[in-house]
Amino acid sequence: MMLYPAMSKLNSYIPNRYMLVNVVARRARQISEAAEEMGEPLNDKPVTLAIREVAEGKLDARGMDLTIEEDVVDQETEQL
């Protein structure tokens, strides 16, 4: 089974696999929330759209704030 886009291409923009997962997950949430607010249906899944953005060079780790503290605050807020 061949993956598209290739992991090597994605790693050229975000060199760490774990950071890649984090960046894609955050962007997918942003895409999903924006579509929900506007009431627009998505033709593809948000994760697919986020991965495409990375593969096209539109998204990299520099554009995302990836601090652990922010993740903890987000998780605590969701639990309330």
N, C-alpha and C. Protein backbone atom coordinates (compact mmCIF):
# COMPACT_ATOMS: atom_id res chain seq x y z
N MET A 1 0.84 -1.18 0.00
CA MET A 1 0.00 0.00 0.00
C MET A 1 0.89 1.24 0.00
N MET A 2 0.62 2.14 -0.89
CA MET A 2 1.41 3.36 -1.00
C MET A 2 0.64 4.52 -0.39
N LEU A 3 1.32 5.31 0.39
CA LEU A 3 0.70 6.46 1.02
C LEU A 3 0.92 7.70 0.19
N TYR A 4 -0.11 8.51 0.09
CA TYR A 4 0.05 9.80 -0.57
C TYR A 4 -0.42 10.88 0.38
N PRO A 5 0.31 11.88 0.58
CA PRO A 5 1.66 12.11 0.08
C PRO A 5 2.67 11.27 0.85
N ALA A 6 3.82 11.09 0.26
CA ALA A 6 4.87 10.26 0.87
C ALA A 6 5.36 10.90 2.17
N MET A 7 5.68 10.06 3.13
CA MET A 7 6.16 10.55 4.42
C MET A 7 7.44 11.38 4.24
N SER A 8 8.28 11.01 3.28
CA SER A 8 9.51 11.77 3.05
C SER A 8 9.20 13.20 2.62
N LYS A 9 8.14 13.39 1.84
CA LYS A 9 7.75 14.74 1.43
C LYS A 9 7.24 15.54 2.62
N LEU A 10 6.42 14.91 3.45
CA LEU A 10 5.90 15.59 4.64
C LEU A 10 7.03 15.94 5.59
N ASN A 11 8.01 15.02 5.72
CA ASN A 11 9.13 15.27 6.62
C ASN A 11 10.07 16.35 6.12
N SER A 12 9.97 16.71 4.86
CA SER A 12 10.79 17.82 4.37
C SER A 12 10.28 19.15 4.92
N TYR A 13 9.01 19.22 5.29
CA TYR A 13 8.44 20.43 5.88
C TYR A 13 8.41 20.37 7.40
N ILE A 14 8.14 19.19 7.94
CA ILE A 14 8.12 18.99 9.39
C ILE A 14 8.96 17.75 9.67
N PRO A 15 10.19 17.93 10.14
CA PRO A 15 11.15 16.83 10.21
C PRO A 15 10.85 15.75 11.25
N ASN A 16 10.07 16.03 12.25
CA ASN A 16 9.80 15.08 13.31
C ASN A 16 8.39 14.50 13.13
N ARG A 17 8.26 13.18 13.11
CA ARG A 17 6.96 12.53 12.90
C ARG A 17 5.95 12.90 13.98
N TYR A 18 6.41 12.99 15.21
CA TYR A 18 5.50 13.30 16.30
C TYR A 18 5.00 14.74 16.21
N MET A 19 5.89 15.64 15.80
CA MET A 19 5.48 17.02 15.59
C MET A 19 4.51 17.11 14.41
N LEU A 20 4.74 16.31 13.39
CA LEU A 20 3.85 16.27 12.23
C LEU A 20 2.44 15.89 12.66
N VAL A 21 2.33 14.88 13.49
CA VAL A 21 1.02 14.45 13.98
C VAL A 21 0.35 15.57 14.75
N ASN A 22 1.11 16.26 15.59
CA ASN A 22 0.56 17.34 16.39
C ASN A 22 0.09 18.50 15.51
N VAL A 23 0.93 18.89 14.54
CA VAL A 23 0.59 19.99 13.65
C VAL A 23 -0.66 19.66 12.83
N VAL A 24 -0.70 18.45 12.28
CA VAL A 24 -1.85 18.04 11.46
C VAL A 24 -3.12 17.99 12.31
N ALA A 25 -3.02 17.46 13.51
CA ALA A 25 -4.20 17.36 14.38
C ALA A 25 -4.74 18.74 14.73
N ARG A 26 -3.84 19.66 15.07
CA ARG A 26 -4.28 21.02 15.41
C ARG A 26 -4.93 21.71 14.21
N ARG A 27 -4.30 21.57 13.05
CA ARG A 27 -4.85 22.22 11.85
C ARG A 27 -6.19 21.60 11.48
N ALA A 28 -6.31 20.28 11.64
CA ALA A 28 -7.57 19.61 11.33
C ALA A 28 -8.69 20.13 12.24
N ARG A 29 -8.37 20.35 13.51
CA ARG A 29 -9.37 20.91 14.42
C ARG A 29 -9.78 22.31 13.99
N GLN A 30 -8.80 23.11 13.56
CA GLN A 30 -9.11 24.47 13.09
C GLN A 30 -10.02 24.42 11.87
N ILE A 31 -9.72 23.54 10.93
CA ILE A 31 -10.52 23.40 9.72
C ILE A 31 -11.94 22.97 10.07
N SER A 32 -12.05 21.99 10.95
CA SER A 32 -13.35 21.47 11.35
C SER A 32 -14.19 22.54 12.05
N GLU A 33 -13.57 23.27 12.96
CA GLU A 33 -14.30 24.31 13.69
C GLU A 33 -14.75 25.43 12.76
N ALA A 34 -13.89 25.82 11.82
CA ALA A 34 -14.23 26.88 10.87
C ALA A 34 -15.39 26.47 9.97
N ALA A 35 -15.36 25.22 9.51
CA ALA A 35 -16.44 24.72 8.65
C ALA A 35 -17.76 24.66 9.43
N GLU A 36 -17.68 24.26 10.69
CA GLU A 36 -18.88 24.17 11.52
C GLU A 36 -19.47 25.55 11.78
N GLU A 37 -18.61 26.53 12.07
CA GLU A 37 -19.08 27.90 12.32
C GLU A 37 -19.76 28.49 11.09
N MET A 38 -19.21 28.20 9.92
CA MET A 38 -19.76 28.75 8.69
C MET A 38 -20.91 27.92 8.15
N GLY A 39 -21.11 26.75 8.70
CA GLY A 39 -22.17 25.88 8.24
C GLY A 39 -21.91 25.25 6.88
N GLU A 40 -20.64 25.14 6.53
CA GLU A 40 -20.26 24.56 5.25
C GLU A 40 -19.85 23.10 5.41
N PRO A 41 -20.39 22.22 4.59
CA PRO A 41 -19.94 20.82 4.66
C PRO A 41 -18.57 20.68 3.99
N LEU A 42 -17.76 19.76 4.50
CA LEU A 42 -16.45 19.50 3.93
C LEU A 42 -16.53 18.31 2.99
N ASN A 43 -15.89 18.42 1.83
CA ASN A 43 -15.86 17.31 0.89
C ASN A 43 -14.90 16.22 1.33
N ASP A 44 -13.83 16.61 2.01
CA ASP A 44 -12.85 15.67 2.54
C ASP A 44 -12.78 15.81 4.05
N LYS A 45 -12.17 14.81 4.68
CA LYS A 45 -12.01 14.88 6.13
C LYS A 45 -10.99 15.96 6.48
N PRO A 46 -11.16 16.60 7.65
CA PRO A 46 -10.25 17.66 8.04
C PRO A 46 -8.78 17.22 8.10
N VAL A 47 -8.52 15.99 8.53
CA VAL A 47 -7.14 15.50 8.60
C VAL A 47 -6.54 15.43 7.20
N THR A 48 -7.32 14.97 6.24
CA THR A 48 -6.85 14.89 4.85
C THR A 48 -6.50 16.28 4.33
N LEU A 49 -7.34 17.25 4.62
CA LEU A 49 -7.07 18.62 4.18
C LEU A 49 -5.81 19.18 4.83
N ALA A 50 -5.62 18.89 6.11
CA ALA A 50 -4.43 19.38 6.81
C ALA A 50 -3.16 18.73 6.27
N ILE A 51 -3.21 17.45 5.98
CA ILE A 51 -2.04 16.77 5.41
C ILE A 51 -1.71 17.35 4.04
N ARG A 52 -2.72 17.64 3.25
CA ARG A 52 -2.48 18.25 1.93
C ARG A 52 -1.80 19.61 2.08
N GLU A 53 -2.22 20.37 3.09
CA GLU A 53 -1.59 21.68 3.31
C GLU A 53 -0.10 21.53 3.63
N VAL A 54 0.24 20.53 4.42
CA VAL A 54 1.65 20.28 4.72
C VAL A 54 2.39 19.87 3.45
N ALA A 55 1.81 18.96 2.68
CA ALA A 55 2.45 18.46 1.46
C ALA A 55 2.65 19.57 0.42
N GLU A 56 1.77 20.56 0.42
CA GLU A 56 1.88 21.67 -0.53
C GLU A 56 2.78 22.78 0.00
N GLY A 57 3.30 22.62 1.22
CA GLY A 57 4.19 23.62 1.79
C GLY A 57 3.48 24.81 2.40
N LYS A 58 2.16 24.72 2.53
CA LYS A 58 1.38 25.82 3.09
C LYS A 58 1.41 25.83 4.62
N LEU A 59 1.81 24.72 5.21
CA LEU A 59 1.76 24.58 6.66
C LEU A 59 3.03 23.90 7.14
N ASP A 60 3.64 24.48 8.16
CA ASP A 60 4.78 23.84 8.80
C ASP A 60 4.71 24.12 10.30
N ALA A 61 5.65 23.61 11.04
CA ALA A 61 5.60 23.73 12.50
C ALA A 61 5.79 25.16 12.97
N ARG A 62 6.43 26.00 12.18
CA ARG A 62 6.65 27.38 12.60
C ARG A 62 5.36 28.15 12.77
N GLY A 63 4.34 27.78 12.02
CA GLY A 63 3.07 28.48 12.09
C GLY A 63 2.17 28.04 13.23
N MET A 64 2.59 27.01 13.94
CA MET A 64 1.77 26.47 15.02
C MET A 64 2.49 26.64 16.35
N ASP A 65 1.75 27.03 17.37
CA ASP A 65 2.30 27.12 18.72
C ASP A 65 2.13 25.77 19.36
N LEU A 66 3.23 25.05 19.58
CA LEU A 66 3.15 23.67 20.03
C LEU A 66 3.67 23.50 21.46
N THR A 67 3.24 24.37 22.35
CA THR A 67 3.72 24.25 23.71
C THR A 67 2.89 23.24 24.48
N ILE A 68 3.55 22.51 25.35
CA ILE A 68 2.87 21.50 26.15
C ILE A 68 1.90 22.16 27.11
N GLU A 69 2.26 23.30 27.66
CA GLU A 69 1.39 23.97 28.61
C GLU A 69 0.04 24.30 28.00
N GLU A 70 0.04 24.73 26.76
CA GLU A 70 -1.21 25.06 26.09
C GLU A 70 -2.09 23.82 25.93
N ASP A 71 -1.48 22.69 25.62
CA ASP A 71 -2.24 21.45 25.49
C ASP A 71 -2.89 21.07 26.82
N VAL A 72 -2.16 21.24 27.91
CA VAL A 72 -2.70 20.89 29.23
C VAL A 72 -3.87 21.79 29.56
N VAL A 73 -3.76 23.09 29.28
CA VAL A 73 -4.85 24.02 29.55
C VAL A 73 -6.07 23.67 28.70
N ASP A 74 -5.85 23.33 27.42
CA ASP A 74 -6.95 22.93 26.55
C ASP A 74 -7.66 21.70 27.08
N GLN A 75 -6.91 20.72 27.54
CA GLN A 75 -7.49 19.48 28.06
C GLN A 75 -8.29 19.75 29.33
N GLU A 76 -7.74 20.61 30.20
CA GLU A 76 -8.44 20.92 31.44
C GLU A 76 -9.73 21.69 31.16
N THR A 77 -9.71 22.57 30.18
CA THR A 77 -10.90 23.33 29.82
C THR A 77 -11.98 22.41 29.27
N GLU A 78 -11.58 21.43 28.46
CA GLU A 78 -12.54 20.49 27.88
C GLU A 78 -13.21 19.64 28.95
N GLN A 79 -12.50 19.37 30.03
CA GLN A 79 -13.04 18.52 31.10
C GLN A 79 -14.07 19.26 31.93
N LEU A 80 -14.07 20.58 31.92
CA LEU A 80 -15.01 21.36 32.74
C LEU A 80 -16.39 21.33 32.20
